[in-house]
PDB file of N, CA and C in Angstrom:
ATOM      1  N   UNK A   1     101.797 -67.850 113.935  1.00  0.00           N
ATOM      2  CA  UNK A   1     102.329 -69.022 114.771  1.00  0.00           C
ATOM      3  C   UNK A   1     101.094 -69.870 114.869  1.00  0.00           C
ATOM      4  N   UNK A   2      99.634 -69.681 115.093  1.00  0.00           N
ATOM      5  CA  UNK A   2      98.603 -70.219 115.440  1.00  0.00           C
ATOM      6  C   UNK A   2      98.287 -71.116 113.995  1.00  0.00           C
ATOM      7  N   UNK A   3      99.049 -70.863 112.798  1.00  0.00           N
ATOM      8  CA  UNK A   3      98.592 -71.516 112.015  1.00  0.00           C
ATOM      9  C   UNK A   3      99.329 -72.562 111.209  1.00  0.00           C
ATOM     10  N   UNK A   4     100.595 -72.739 111.817  1.00  0.00           N
ATOM     11  CA  UNK A   4     101.833 -73.392 112.348  1.00  0.00           C
ATOM     12  C   UNK A   4     101.107 -74.715 113.040  1.00  0.00           C
ATOM     13  N   UNK A   5     100.408 -74.141 114.289  1.00  0.00           N
ATOM     14  CA  UNK A   5     100.022 -75.247 115.084  1.00  0.00           C
ATOM     15  C   UNK A   5      98.640 -75.922 114.100  1.00  0.00           C
ATOM     16  N   UNK A   6      98.307 -75.020 113.662  1.00  0.00           N
ATOM     17  CA  UNK A   6      97.194 -75.985 113.146  1.00  0.00           C
ATOM     18  C   UNK A   6      97.971 -77.009 111.833  1.00  0.00           C
ATOM     19  N   UNK A   7      98.656 -76.905 111.432  1.00  0.00           N
ATOM     20  CA  UNK A   7      99.381 -77.623 110.220  1.00  0.00           C
ATOM     21  C   UNK A   7      99.788 -78.636 111.002  1.00  0.00           C
ATOM     22  N   UNK A   8     100.863 -78.702 112.298  1.00  0.00           N
ATOM     23  CA  UNK A   8     101.617 -79.621 113.224  1.00  0.00           C
ATOM     24  C   UNK A   8      99.935 -80.599 113.520  1.00  0.00           C
ATOM     25  N   UNK A   9      98.848 -80.057 113.772  1.00  0.00           N
ATOM     26  CA  UNK A   9      97.810 -80.580 114.317  1.00  0.00           C
ATOM     27  C   UNK A   9      97.458 -81.132 112.844  1.00  0.00           C
ATOM     28  N   UNK A  10      97.414 -80.955 111.854  1.00  0.00           N
ATOM     29  CA  UNK A  10      96.827 -81.566 110.889  1.00  0.00           C
ATOM     30  C   UNK A  10      98.147 -83.133 110.266  1.00  0.00           C
ATOM     31  N   UNK A  11      99.198 -82.750 110.705  1.00  0.00           N
ATOM     32  CA  UNK A  11     100.286 -83.617 109.969  1.00  0.00           C
ATOM     33  C   UNK A  11     100.021 -84.720 111.148  1.00  0.00           C
ATOM     34  N   UNK A  12      99.562 -84.288 112.631  1.00  0.00           N
ATOM     35  CA  UNK A  12      99.814 -85.518 113.761  1.00  0.00           C
ATOM     36  C   UNK A  12      98.712 -85.897 113.604  1.00  0.00           C
ATOM     37  N   UNK A  13      97.583 -85.378 112.894  1.00  0.00           N
ATOM     38  CA  UNK A  13      96.355 -86.184 113.157  1.00  0.00           C
ATOM     39  C   UNK A  13      96.622 -87.467 111.841  1.00  0.00           C
ATOM     40  N   UNK A  14      97.112 -87.078 110.922  1.00  0.00           N
ATOM     41  CA  UNK A  14      97.002 -87.893 109.277  1.00  0.00           C
ATOM     42  C   UNK A  14      98.018 -88.864 110.584  1.00  0.00           C
ATOM     43  N   UNK A  15      99.081 -88.820 111.335  1.00  0.00           N
ATOM     44  CA  UNK A  15      99.940 -89.721 111.334  1.00  0.00           C
ATOM     45  C   UNK A  15      99.364 -90.305 112.246  1.00  0.00           C
ATOM     46  N   UNK A  16      98.780 -90.182 113.412  1.00  0.00           N
ATOM     47  CA  UNK A  16      97.947 -91.145 114.618  1.00  0.00           C
ATOM     48  C   UNK A  16      96.933 -91.727 113.830  1.00  0.00           C
ATOM     49  N   UNK A  17      95.917 -91.439 112.642  1.00  0.00           N
ATOM     50  CA  UNK A  17      94.911 -91.938 112.509  1.00  0.00           C
ATOM     51  C   UNK A  17      94.916 -92.950 111.077  1.00  0.00           C
ATOM     52  N   UNK A  18      96.037 -92.791 110.332  1.00  0.00           N
ATOM     53  CA  UNK A  18      95.953 -93.267 109.156  1.00  0.00           C
ATOM     54  C   UNK A  18      97.335 -93.857 108.674  1.00  0.00           C
ATOM     55  N   UNK A  19      96.786 -95.061 109.083  1.00  0.00           N
ATOM     56  CA  UNK A  19      97.714 -96.307 108.608  1.00  0.00           C
ATOM     57  C   UNK A  19      98.849 -96.251 107.250  1.00  0.00           C
ATOM     58  N   UNK A  20      98.294 -96.120 106.002  1.00  0.00           N
ATOM     59  CA  UNK A  20      99.195 -95.585 104.396  1.00  0.00           C
ATOM     60  C   UNK A  20      99.854 -94.570 105.187  1.00  0.00           C
ATOM     61  N   UNK A  21      99.588 -93.351 106.159  1.00  0.00           N
ATOM     62  CA  UNK A  21     100.485 -92.721 105.867  1.00  0.00           C
ATOM     63  C   UNK A  21     101.682 -92.358 106.755  1.00  0.00           C
ATOM     64  N   UNK A  22     101.412 -93.482 107.965  1.00  0.00           N
ATOM     65  CA  UNK A  22     102.465 -93.792 108.642  1.00  0.00           C
ATOM     66  C   UNK A  22     103.568 -94.815 108.010  1.00  0.00           C
ATOM     67  N   UNK A  23     102.858 -95.687 106.697  1.00  0.00           N
ATOM     68  CA  UNK A  23     103.766 -96.878 105.830  1.00  0.00           C
ATOM     69  C   UNK A  23     104.457 -95.663 105.373  1.00  0.00           C
ATOM     70  N   UNK A  24     104.020 -94.465 104.725  1.00  0.00           N
ATOM     71  CA  UNK A  24     104.683 -93.724 103.824  1.00  0.00           C
ATOM     72  C   UNK A  24     105.613 -92.855 104.642  1.00  0.00           C
ATOM     73  N   UNK A  25     105.333 -92.688 105.959  1.00  0.00           N
ATOM     74  CA  UNK A  25     106.285 -91.808 106.178  1.00  0.00           C
ATOM     75  C   UNK A  25     107.499 -93.016 106.947  1.00  0.00           C
ATOM     76  N   UNK A  26     107.375 -94.372 106.871  1.00  0.00           N
ATOM     77  CA  UNK A  26     108.279 -95.192 107.543  1.00  0.00           C
ATOM     78  C   UNK A  26     109.296 -95.258 106.476  1.00  0.00           C
ATOM     79  N   UNK A  27     108.700 -95.597 104.928  1.00  0.00           N
ATOM     80  CA  UNK A  27     109.522 -95.715 104.132  1.00  0.00           C
ATOM     81  C   UNK A  27     110.304 -94.433 103.708  1.00  0.00           C
ATOM     82  N   UNK A  28     109.612 -93.232 103.950  1.00  0.00           N
ATOM     83  CA  UNK A  28     110.301 -92.159 104.122  1.00  0.00           C
ATOM     84  C   UNK A  28     111.814 -92.100 104.294  1.00  0.00           C
ATOM     85  N   UNK A  29     111.610 -92.559 105.812  1.00  0.00           N
ATOM     86  CA  UNK A  29     112.965 -92.555 106.579  1.00  0.00           C
ATOM     87  C   UNK A  29     113.792 -93.481 106.552  1.00  0.00           C
ATOM     88  N   UNK A  30     113.016 -94.509 105.984  1.00  0.00           N
ATOM     89  CA  UNK A  30     114.119 -95.680 105.212  1.00  0.00           C
ATOM     90  C   UNK A  30     115.307 -94.940 104.204  1.00  0.00           C
ATOM     91  N   UNK A  31     114.239 -94.644 103.163  1.00  0.00           N
ATOM     92  CA  UNK A  31     114.763 -93.609 102.182  1.00  0.00           C
ATOM     93  C   UNK A  31     115.896 -92.635 102.153  1.00  0.00           C
ATOM     94  N   UNK A  32     115.532 -91.913 103.657  1.00  0.00           N
ATOM     95  CA  UNK A  32     116.581 -90.853 103.832  1.00  0.00           C
ATOM     96  C   UNK A  32     117.718 -91.833 104.573  1.00  0.00           C
ATOM     97  N   UNK A  33     117.426 -92.743 105.357  1.00  0.00           N
ATOM     98  CA  UNK A  33     118.459 -93.235 105.554  1.00  0.00           C
ATOM     99  C   UNK A  33     119.607 -94.151 104.649  1.00  0.00           C
ATOM    100  N   UNK A  34     119.021 -94.681 103.522  1.00  0.00           N
ATOM    101  CA  UNK A  34     119.669 -95.002 102.124  1.00  0.00           C
ATOM    102  C   UNK A  34     120.598 -93.592 101.837  1.00  0.00           C
ATOM    103  N   UNK A  35     120.245 -92.622 101.730  1.00  0.00           N
ATOM    104  CA  UNK A  35     120.901 -91.392 101.224  1.00  0.00           C
ATOM    105  C   UNK A  35     121.557 -91.199 101.774  1.00  0.00           C
ATOM    106  N   UNK A  36     121.681 -90.835 102.999  1.00  0.00           N
ATOM    107  CA  UNK A  36     122.940 -91.060 104.012  1.00  0.00           C
ATOM    108  C   UNK A  36     123.688 -91.978 103.654  1.00  0.00           C
ATOM    109  N   UNK A  37     123.554 -93.136 103.897  1.00  0.00           N
ATOM    110  CA  UNK A  37     124.469 -94.450 103.813  1.00  0.00           C
ATOM    111  C   UNK A  37     125.170 -94.358 102.272  1.00  0.00           C
ATOM    112  N   UNK A  38     124.752 -94.174 101.466  1.00  0.00           N
ATOM    113  CA  UNK A  38     125.234 -94.124 100.067  1.00  0.00           C
ATOM    114  C   UNK A  38     126.015 -92.567 100.017  1.00  0.00           C
ATOM    115  N   UNK A  39     125.722 -91.833 100.403  1.00  0.00           N
ATOM    116  CA  UNK A  39     126.149 -90.291 100.100  1.00  0.00           C
ATOM    117  C   UNK A  39     126.122 -89.761  99.343  1.00  0.00           C
ATOM    118  N   UNK A  40     124.132 -89.555  98.760  1.00  0.00           N
ATOM    119  CA  UNK A  40     123.721 -88.945  97.758  1.00  0.00           C
ATOM    120  C   UNK A  40     124.149 -87.729  96.898  1.00  0.00           C
ATOM    121  N   UNK A  41     124.010 -87.301  95.939  1.00  0.00           N
ATOM    122  CA  UNK A  41     124.840 -86.043  95.132  1.00  0.00           C
ATOM    123  C   UNK A  41     123.122 -84.958  95.700  1.00  0.00           C
ATOM    124  N   UNK A  42     123.508 -83.793  95.861  1.00  0.00           N
ATOM    125  CA  UNK A  42     122.675 -82.617  95.743  1.00  0.00           C
ATOM    126  C   UNK A  42     121.818 -82.939  94.941  1.00  0.00           C
ATOM    127  N   UNK A  43     121.572 -83.354  93.558  1.00  0.00           N
ATOM    128  CA  UNK A  43     120.710 -83.341  92.863  1.00  0.00           C
ATOM    129  C   UNK A  43     119.581 -84.542  93.189  1.00  0.00           C
ATOM    130  N   UNK A  44     120.606 -85.653  93.471  1.00  0.00           N
ATOM    131  CA  UNK A  44     119.921 -86.803  93.717  1.00  0.00           C
ATOM    132  C   UNK A  44     118.911 -86.764  95.080  1.00  0.00           C
ATOM    133  N   UNK A  45     119.465 -85.675  96.290  1.00  0.00           N
ATOM    134  CA  UNK A  45     118.660 -85.077  97.506  1.00  0.00           C
ATOM    135  C   UNK A  45     117.607 -84.481  96.842  1.00  0.00           C
ATOM    136  N   UNK A  46     117.497 -84.180  96.223  1.00  0.00           N
ATOM    137  CA  UNK A  46     116.586 -82.735  95.496  1.00  0.00           C
ATOM    138  C   UNK A  46     115.629 -83.564  94.809  1.00  0.00           C
ATOM    139  N   UNK A  47     116.094 -84.711  94.126  1.00  0.00           N
ATOM    140  CA  UNK A  47     114.680 -85.597  93.535  1.00  0.00           C
ATOM    141  C   UNK A  47     114.273 -86.331  94.813  1.00  0.00           C
ATOM    142  N   UNK A  48     114.739 -86.857  95.551  1.00  0.00           N
ATOM    143  CA  UNK A  48     114.527 -87.797  96.538  1.00  0.00           C
ATOM    144  C   UNK A  48     113.401 -86.986  97.948  1.00  0.00           C
ATOM    145  N   UNK A  49     113.858 -85.701  98.111  1.00  0.00           N
ATOM    146  CA  UNK A  49     113.193 -85.032  98.854  1.00  0.00           C
ATOM    147  C   UNK A  49     112.057 -84.480  97.920  1.00  0.00           C
ATOM    148  N   UNK A  50     112.049 -84.134  97.238  1.00  0.00           N
ATOM    149  CA  UNK A  50     110.647 -83.629  95.847  1.00  0.00           C
ATOM    150  C   UNK A  50     109.519 -85.151  95.891  1.00  0.00           C
ATOM    151  N   UNK A  51     110.173 -86.616  95.474  1.00  0.00           N
ATOM    152  CA  UNK A  51     109.400 -87.338  95.508  1.00  0.00           C
ATOM    153  C   UNK A  51     108.725 -87.836  97.325  1.00  0.00           C
ATOM    154  N   UNK A  52     109.383 -88.122  98.129  1.00  0.00           N
ATOM    155  CA  UNK A  52     108.896 -87.803  99.124  1.00  0.00           C
ATOM    156  C   UNK A  52     107.733 -86.949  99.862  1.00  0.00           C
ATOM    157  N   UNK A  53     108.096 -85.502  99.329  1.00  0.00           N
ATOM    158  CA  UNK A  53     107.340 -84.790  99.643  1.00  0.00           C
ATOM    159  C   UNK A  53     105.873 -84.915  98.904  1.00  0.00           C
ATOM    160  N   UNK A  54     105.690 -85.527  97.147  1.00  0.00           N
ATOM    161  CA  UNK A  54     104.565 -85.225  96.978  1.00  0.00           C
ATOM    162  C   UNK A  54     104.291 -86.812  96.896  1.00  0.00           C
ATOM    163  N   UNK A  55     104.749 -87.701  97.853  1.00  0.00           N
ATOM    164  CA  UNK A  55     103.587 -88.881  98.089  1.00  0.00           C
ATOM    165  C   UNK A  55     103.121 -88.511  99.397  1.00  0.00           C
ATOM    166  N   UNK A  56     103.953 -87.873 100.740  1.00  0.00           N
ATOM    167  CA  UNK A  56     103.051 -87.289 101.696  1.00  0.00           C
ATOM    168  C   UNK A  56     101.753 -86.096 101.535  1.00  0.00           C
ATOM    169  N   UNK A  57     102.447 -85.428 100.421  1.00  0.00           N
ATOM    170  CA  UNK A  57     101.061 -84.312 100.153  1.00  0.00           C
ATOM    171  C   UNK A  57     100.439 -85.118  99.477  1.00  0.00           C
ATOM    172  N   UNK A  58     100.259 -86.041  98.708  1.00  0.00           N
ATOM    173  CA  UNK A  58      98.969 -87.286  97.872  1.00  0.00           C
ATOM    174  C   UNK A  58      98.158 -87.373  99.254  1.00  0.00           C
ATOM    175  N   UNK A  59      99.187 -88.581 100.057  1.00  0.00           N
ATOM    176  CA  UNK A  59      98.275 -88.735 101.029  1.00  0.00           C
ATOM    177  C   UNK A  59      97.563 -88.008 101.718  1.00  0.00           C
ATOM    178  N   UNK A  60      98.080 -87.173 102.528  1.00  0.00           N
ATOM    179  CA  UNK A  60      97.375 -86.353 103.177  1.00  0.00           C
ATOM    180  C   UNK A  60      95.979 -85.706 102.254  1.00  0.00           C
ATOM    181  N   UNK A  61      96.457 -85.176 101.113  1.00  0.00           N
ATOM    182  CA  UNK A  61      95.272 -84.824 100.480  1.00  0.00           C
ATOM    183  C   UNK A  61      93.893 -85.872 100.169  1.00  0.00           C
ATOM    184  N   UNK A  62      94.385 -87.016  99.858  1.00  0.00           N
ATOM    185  CA  UNK A  62      93.644 -87.944 100.163  1.00  0.00           C
ATOM    186  C   UNK A  62      93.020 -88.422 100.924  1.00  0.00           C
ATOM    187  N   UNK A  63      93.851 -88.548 102.254  1.00  0.00           N
ATOM    188  CA  UNK A  63      92.710 -88.709 103.243  1.00  0.00           C
ATOM    189  C   UNK A  63      91.899 -86.903 103.687  1.00  0.00           C
ATOM    190  N   UNK A  64      91.900 -86.282 103.613  1.00  0.00           N
ATOM    191  CA  UNK A  64      91.500 -84.785 103.523  1.00  0.00           C
ATOM    192  C   UNK A  64      89.963 -85.138 102.414  1.00  0.00           C
ATOM    193  N   UNK A  65      89.967 -85.148 101.635  1.00  0.00           N
ATOM    194  CA  UNK A  65      89.110 -85.544 100.860  1.00  0.00           C
ATOM    195  C   UNK A  65      88.155 -86.485 100.944  1.00  0.00           C
ATOM    196  N   UNK A  66      88.807 -88.116 101.397  1.00  0.00           N
ATOM    197  CA  UNK A  66      87.657 -89.096 102.199  1.00  0.00           C
ATOM    198  C   UNK A  66      87.436 -88.615 103.389  1.00  0.00           C
ATOM    199  N   UNK A  67      87.909 -87.601 104.139  1.00  0.00           N
ATOM    200  CA  UNK A  67      87.004 -87.212 105.510  1.00  0.00           C
ATOM    201  C   UNK A  67      85.853 -86.513 105.136  1.00  0.00           C
ATOM    202  N   UNK A  68      86.374 -85.327 104.086  1.00  0.00           N
ATOM    203  CA  UNK A  68      85.347 -84.630 103.693  1.00  0.00           C
ATOM    204  C   UNK A  68      83.977 -85.246 102.970  1.00  0.00           C
ATOM    205  N   UNK A  69      84.149 -86.531 101.703  1.00  0.00           N
ATOM    206  CA  UNK A  69      83.224 -87.136 101.106  1.00  0.00           C
ATOM    207  C   UNK A  69      82.516 -88.115 102.327  1.00  0.00           C
ATOM    208  N   UNK A  70      83.117 -88.335 103.645  1.00  0.00           N
ATOM    209  CA  UNK A  70      82.235 -88.861 104.595  1.00  0.00           C
ATOM    210  C   UNK A  70      81.101 -87.973 105.340  1.00  0.00           C
ATOM    211  N   UNK A  71      81.776 -86.459 105.222  1.00  0.00           N
ATOM    212  CA  UNK A  71      80.773 -85.786 106.570  1.00  0.00           C
ATOM    213  C   UNK A  71      79.846 -85.309 105.138  1.00  0.00           C
ATOM    214  N   UNK A  72      79.852 -85.168 103.672  1.00  0.00           N
ATOM    215  CA  UNK A  72      79.055 -85.319 102.961  1.00  0.00           C
ATOM    216  C   UNK A  72      78.044 -86.004 102.613  1.00  0.00           C
ATOM    217  N   UNK A  73      78.424 -87.068 102.624  1.00  0.00           N
ATOM    218  CA  UNK A  73      77.581 -88.321 102.400  1.00  0.00           C
ATOM    219  C   UNK A  73      78.175 -89.622 103.234  1.00  0.00           C
ATOM    220  N   UNK A  74      77.513 -90.055 104.199  1.00  0.00           N
ATOM    221  CA  UNK A  74      78.009 -91.254 104.914  1.00  0.00           C
ATOM    222  C   UNK A  74      78.129 -92.587 104.458  1.00  0.00           C
ATOM    223  N   UNK A  75      76.594 -92.119 103.742  1.00  0.00           N
ATOM    224  CA  UNK A  75      76.304 -94.034 103.230  1.00  0.00           C
ATOM    225  C   UNK A  75      76.878 -94.213 101.624  1.00  0.00           C
ATOM    226  N   UNK A  76      76.679 -95.430 101.526  1.00  0.00           N
ATOM    227  CA  UNK A  76      77.792 -95.562  99.941  1.00  0.00           C
ATOM    228  C   UNK A  76      76.782 -95.168  99.072  1.00  0.00           C
ATOM    229  N   UNK A  77      77.662 -94.129  98.227  1.00  0.00           N
ATOM    230  CA  UNK A  77      77.336 -93.423  97.392  1.00  0.00           C
ATOM    231  C   UNK A  77      77.781 -93.362  95.963  1.00  0.00           C
ATOM    232  N   UNK A  78      77.545 -93.939  94.769  1.00  0.00           N
ATOM    233  CA  UNK A  78      78.575 -94.017  93.251  1.00  0.00           C
ATOM    234  C   UNK A  78      79.777 -93.217  93.255  1.00  0.00           C
ATOM    235  N   UNK A  79      79.040 -91.381  93.387  1.00  0.00           N
ATOM    236  CA  UNK A  79      80.070 -90.370  93.090  1.00  0.00           C
ATOM    237  C   UNK A  79      81.023 -90.172  93.990  1.00  0.00           C
ATOM    238  N   UNK A  80      80.745 -90.184  95.750  1.00  0.00           N
ATOM    239  CA  UNK A  80      81.457 -90.605  96.472  1.00  0.00           C
ATOM    240  C   UNK A  80      83.034 -91.392  96.315  1.00  0.00           C
ATOM    241  N   UNK A  81      82.294 -92.631  95.866  1.00  0.00           N
ATOM    242  CA  UNK A  81      83.105 -94.000  95.493  1.00  0.00           C
ATOM    243  C   UNK A  81      84.162 -93.815  94.819  1.00  0.00           C
ATOM    244  N   UNK A  82      83.849 -92.760  93.136  1.00  0.00           N
ATOM    245  CA  UNK A  82      84.417 -92.875  92.557  1.00  0.00           C
ATOM    246  C   UNK A  82      85.718 -91.544  92.956  1.00  0.00           C
ATOM    247  N   UNK A  83      85.308 -90.604  93.509  1.00  0.00           N
ATOM    248  CA  UNK A  83      86.013 -89.352  94.222  1.00  0.00           C
ATOM    249  C   UNK A  83      87.187 -89.758  94.948  1.00  0.00           C
ATOM    250  N   UNK A  84      86.651 -91.080  96.066  1.00  0.00           N
ATOM    251  CA  UNK A  84      87.325 -91.575  96.620  1.00  0.00           C
ATOM    252  C   UNK A  84      88.626 -92.166  95.900  1.00  0.00           C
ATOM    253  N   UNK A  85      88.175 -93.193  95.016  1.00  0.00           N
ATOM    254  CA  UNK A  85      88.740 -93.798  94.042  1.00  0.00           C
ATOM    255  C   UNK A  85      90.125 -92.849  93.287  1.00  0.00           C
ATOM    256  N   UNK A  86      89.793 -91.759  92.758  1.00  0.00           N
ATOM    257  CA  UNK A  86      90.320 -91.030  91.928  1.00  0.00           C
ATOM    258  C   UNK A  86      91.885 -90.589  92.623  1.00  0.00           C
ATOM    259  N   UNK A  87      91.192 -90.242  94.196  1.00  0.00           N
ATOM    260  CA  UNK A  87      92.541 -89.776  95.062  1.00  0.00           C
ATOM    261  C   UNK A  87      93.589 -90.492  95.604  1.00  0.00           C
ATOM    262  N   UNK A  88      92.380 -91.908  95.388  1.00  0.00           N
ATOM    263  CA  UNK A  88      93.668 -93.042  95.884  1.00  0.00           C
ATOM    264  C   UNK A  88      94.488 -92.963  94.409  1.00  0.00           C
ATOM    265  N   UNK A  89      93.800 -92.982  93.551  1.00  0.00           N
ATOM    266  CA  UNK A  89      94.680 -92.959  92.556  1.00  0.00           C
ATOM    267  C   UNK A  89      95.765 -91.954  92.113  1.00  0.00           C
ATOM    268  N   UNK A  90      95.540 -91.095  92.598  1.00  0.00           N
ATOM    269  CA  UNK A  90      96.460 -89.772  92.546  1.00  0.00           C
ATOM    270  C   UNK A  90      97.816 -90.233  93.793  1.00  0.00           C
ATOM    271  N   UNK A  91      97.581 -90.981  94.322  1.00  0.00           N
ATOM    272  CA  UNK A  91      98.646 -91.663  95.619  1.00  0.00           C
ATOM    273  C   UNK A  91      99.405 -92.446  94.552  1.00  0.00           C
ATOM    274  N   UNK A  92      98.463 -93.555  94.573  1.00  0.00           N
ATOM    275  CA  UNK A  92      99.205 -94.545  94.002  1.00  0.00           C
ATOM    276  C   UNK A  92     100.115 -94.105  92.381  1.00  0.00           C
ATOM    277  N   UNK A  93      99.836 -93.058  91.670  1.00  0.00           N
ATOM    278  CA  UNK A  93     100.647 -92.404  90.885  1.00  0.00           C
ATOM    279  C   UNK A  93     101.747 -91.914  91.301  1.00  0.00           C
ATOM    280  N   UNK A  94     101.638 -91.123  92.465  1.00  0.00           N
ATOM    281  CA  UNK A  94     102.626 -90.467  93.041  1.00  0.00           C
ATOM    282  C   UNK A  94     103.620 -91.182  93.774  1.00  0.00           C
ATOM    283  N   UNK A  95     103.241 -92.530  94.755  1.00  0.00           N
ATOM    284  CA  UNK A  95     104.161 -93.756  94.790  1.00  0.00           C
ATOM    285  C   UNK A  95     105.257 -94.139  93.841  1.00  0.00           C
ATOM    286  N   UNK A  96     104.003 -94.479  92.760  1.00  0.00           N
ATOM    287  CA  UNK A  96     105.422 -95.341  91.668  1.00  0.00           C
ATOM    288  C   UNK A  96     106.188 -94.414  90.679  1.00  0.00           C
ATOM    289  N   UNK A  97     105.970 -92.603  90.899  1.00  0.00           N
ATOM    290  CA  UNK A  97     106.340 -92.258  90.732  1.00  0.00           C
ATOM    291  C   UNK A  97     108.128 -92.088  91.462  1.00  0.00           C
ATOM    292  N   UNK A  98     107.324 -92.328  92.982  1.00  0.00           N
ATOM    293  CA  UNK A  98     108.480 -91.727  93.866  1.00  0.00           C
ATOM    294  C   UNK A  98     109.558 -93.561  93.913  1.00  0.00           C
ATOM    295  N   UNK A  99     108.891 -94.310  93.868  1.00  0.00           N
ATOM    296  CA  UNK A  99     109.481 -95.370  93.226  1.00  0.00           C
ATOM    297  C   UNK A  99     110.463 -95.769  92.428  1.00  0.00           C
ATOM    298  N   UNK A 100     109.803 -95.010  90.968  1.00  0.00           N
ATOM    299  CA  UNK A 100     110.962 -95.242  89.746  1.00  0.00           C
ATOM    300  C   UNK A 100     111.869 -94.354  90.127  1.00  0.00           C
ATOM    301  N   UNK A 101     111.595 -92.961  90.745  1.00  0.00           N
ATOM    302  CA  UNK A 101     112.926 -92.189  90.995  1.00  0.00           C
ATOM    303  C   UNK A 101     114.034 -93.163  92.200  1.00  0.00           C
ATOM    304  N   UNK A 102     113.500 -93.689  92.796  1.00  0.00           N
ATOM    305  CA  UNK A 102     114.120 -94.158  93.801  1.00  0.00           C
ATOM    306  C   UNK A 102     115.074 -95.405  93.175  1.00  0.00           C
ATOM    307  N   UNK A 103     114.404 -95.985  92.392  1.00  0.00           N
ATOM    308  CA  UNK A 103     114.763 -96.954  91.420  1.00  0.00           C
ATOM    309  C   UNK A 103     116.014 -96.452  90.800  1.00  0.00           C
ATOM    310  N   UNK A 104     116.034 -95.644  90.273  1.00  0.00           N
ATOM    311  CA  UNK A 104     117.066 -94.633  89.340  1.00  0.00           C
ATOM    312  C   UNK A 104     117.971 -94.259  90.081  1.00  0.00           C
ATOM    313  N   UNK A 105     118.282 -93.890  91.223  1.00  0.00           N
ATOM    314  CA  UNK A 105     118.791 -93.108  92.400  1.00  0.00           C
ATOM    315  C   UNK A 105     119.738 -94.301  92.931  1.00  0.00           C
ATOM    316  N   UNK A 106     119.081 -95.051  93.448  1.00  0.00           N
ATOM    317  CA  UNK A 106     119.427 -96.328  94.678  1.00  0.00           C
ATOM    318  C   UNK A 106     120.413 -97.349  94.197  1.00  0.00           C
ATOM    319  N   UNK A 107     119.310 -97.878  92.906  1.00  0.00           N
ATOM    320  CA  UNK A 107     119.522 -99.292  92.654  1.00  0.00           C
ATOM    321  C   UNK A 107     120.973 -99.438  91.979  1.00  0.00           C
ATOM    322  N   UNK A 108     121.515 -98.911  91.070  1.00  0.00           N
ATOM    323  CA  UNK A 108     122.716 -98.620  91.237  1.00  0.00           C
ATOM    324  C   UNK A 108     124.171 -98.592  91.879  1.00  0.00           C
ATOM    325  N   UNK A 109     123.859 -97.927  92.608  1.00  0.00           N
ATOM    326  CA  UNK A 109     124.744 -97.928  94.067  1.00  0.00           C
ATOM    327  C   UNK A 109     124.422 -99.041  94.799  1.00  0.00           C
ATOM    328  N   UNK A 110     123.426 -99.763  94.989  1.00  0.00           N
ATOM    329  CA  UNK A 110     123.568-100.944  96.018  1.00  0.00           C
ATOM    330  C   UNK A 110     123.456-101.936  94.815  1.00  0.00           C
ATOM    331  N   UNK A 111     123.306-101.940  93.412  1.00  0.00           N
ATOM    332  CA  UNK A 111     124.120-103.147  92.576  1.00  0.00           C
ATOM    333  C   UNK A 111     125.905-103.212  93.134  1.00  0.00           C
ATOM    334  N   UNK A 112     126.561-101.813  92.929  1.00  0.00           N
ATOM    335  CA  UNK A 112     127.821-101.529  92.630  1.00  0.00           C
ATOM    336  C   UNK A 112     128.558-102.291  94.012  1.00  0.00           C
ATOM    337  N   UNK A 113     127.247-101.754  95.160  1.00  0.00           N
ATOM    338  CA  UNK A 113     127.652-101.850  96.778  1.00  0.00           C
ATOM    339  C   UNK A 113     127.883-103.670  96.712  1.00  0.00           C
ATOM    340  N   UNK A 114     126.958-104.623  96.484  1.00  0.00           N
ATOM    341  CA  UNK A 114     127.043-105.460  96.681  1.00  0.00           C
ATOM    342  C   UNK A 114     127.982-106.535  95.645  1.00  0.00           C
ATOM    343  N   UNK A 115     127.811-105.721  94.283  1.00  0.00           N
ATOM    344  CA  UNK A 115     129.289-106.210  92.956  1.00  0.00           C
ATOM    345  C   UNK A 115     130.408-107.134  94.154  1.00  0.00           C
ATOM    346  N   UNK A 116     130.716-108.207  93.860  1.00  0.00           N
ATOM    347  CA  UNK A 116     132.104-109.044  94.110  1.00  0.00           C
ATOM    348  C   UNK A 116     133.298-108.182  93.532  1.00  0.00           C
ATOM    349  N   UNK A 117     134.261-107.969  94.487  1.00  0.00           N
ATOM    350  CA  UNK A 117     135.299-107.106  94.171  1.00  0.00           C
ATOM    351  C   UNK A 117     136.201-108.232  93.121  1.00  0.00           C
TER     352      UNK A 117
END
């Protein structure tokens, strides 16, 4: 049970201190609302859930690595900058992958929904 408490504490810490985490969470809620509105299929739910989880996990890993880097070396350092840039790039790739998945799933449904009868 303590492990769950630690895990939820980490999630809460990311949510309260990291703006990008809050943005990703808000976008995830919006996507989940769209999924309900458009009644997506089971396979689309799986792809959506995995995409959301991938982005959230990558954002949390990025945050953890940045915090660790700040403890290891407080001042500007080229190697630390490179590490932070790489982890930010990983989040970007995850987010772009999720966006592509979302477009494949939702764009046809949105177009059909707004298409004149």
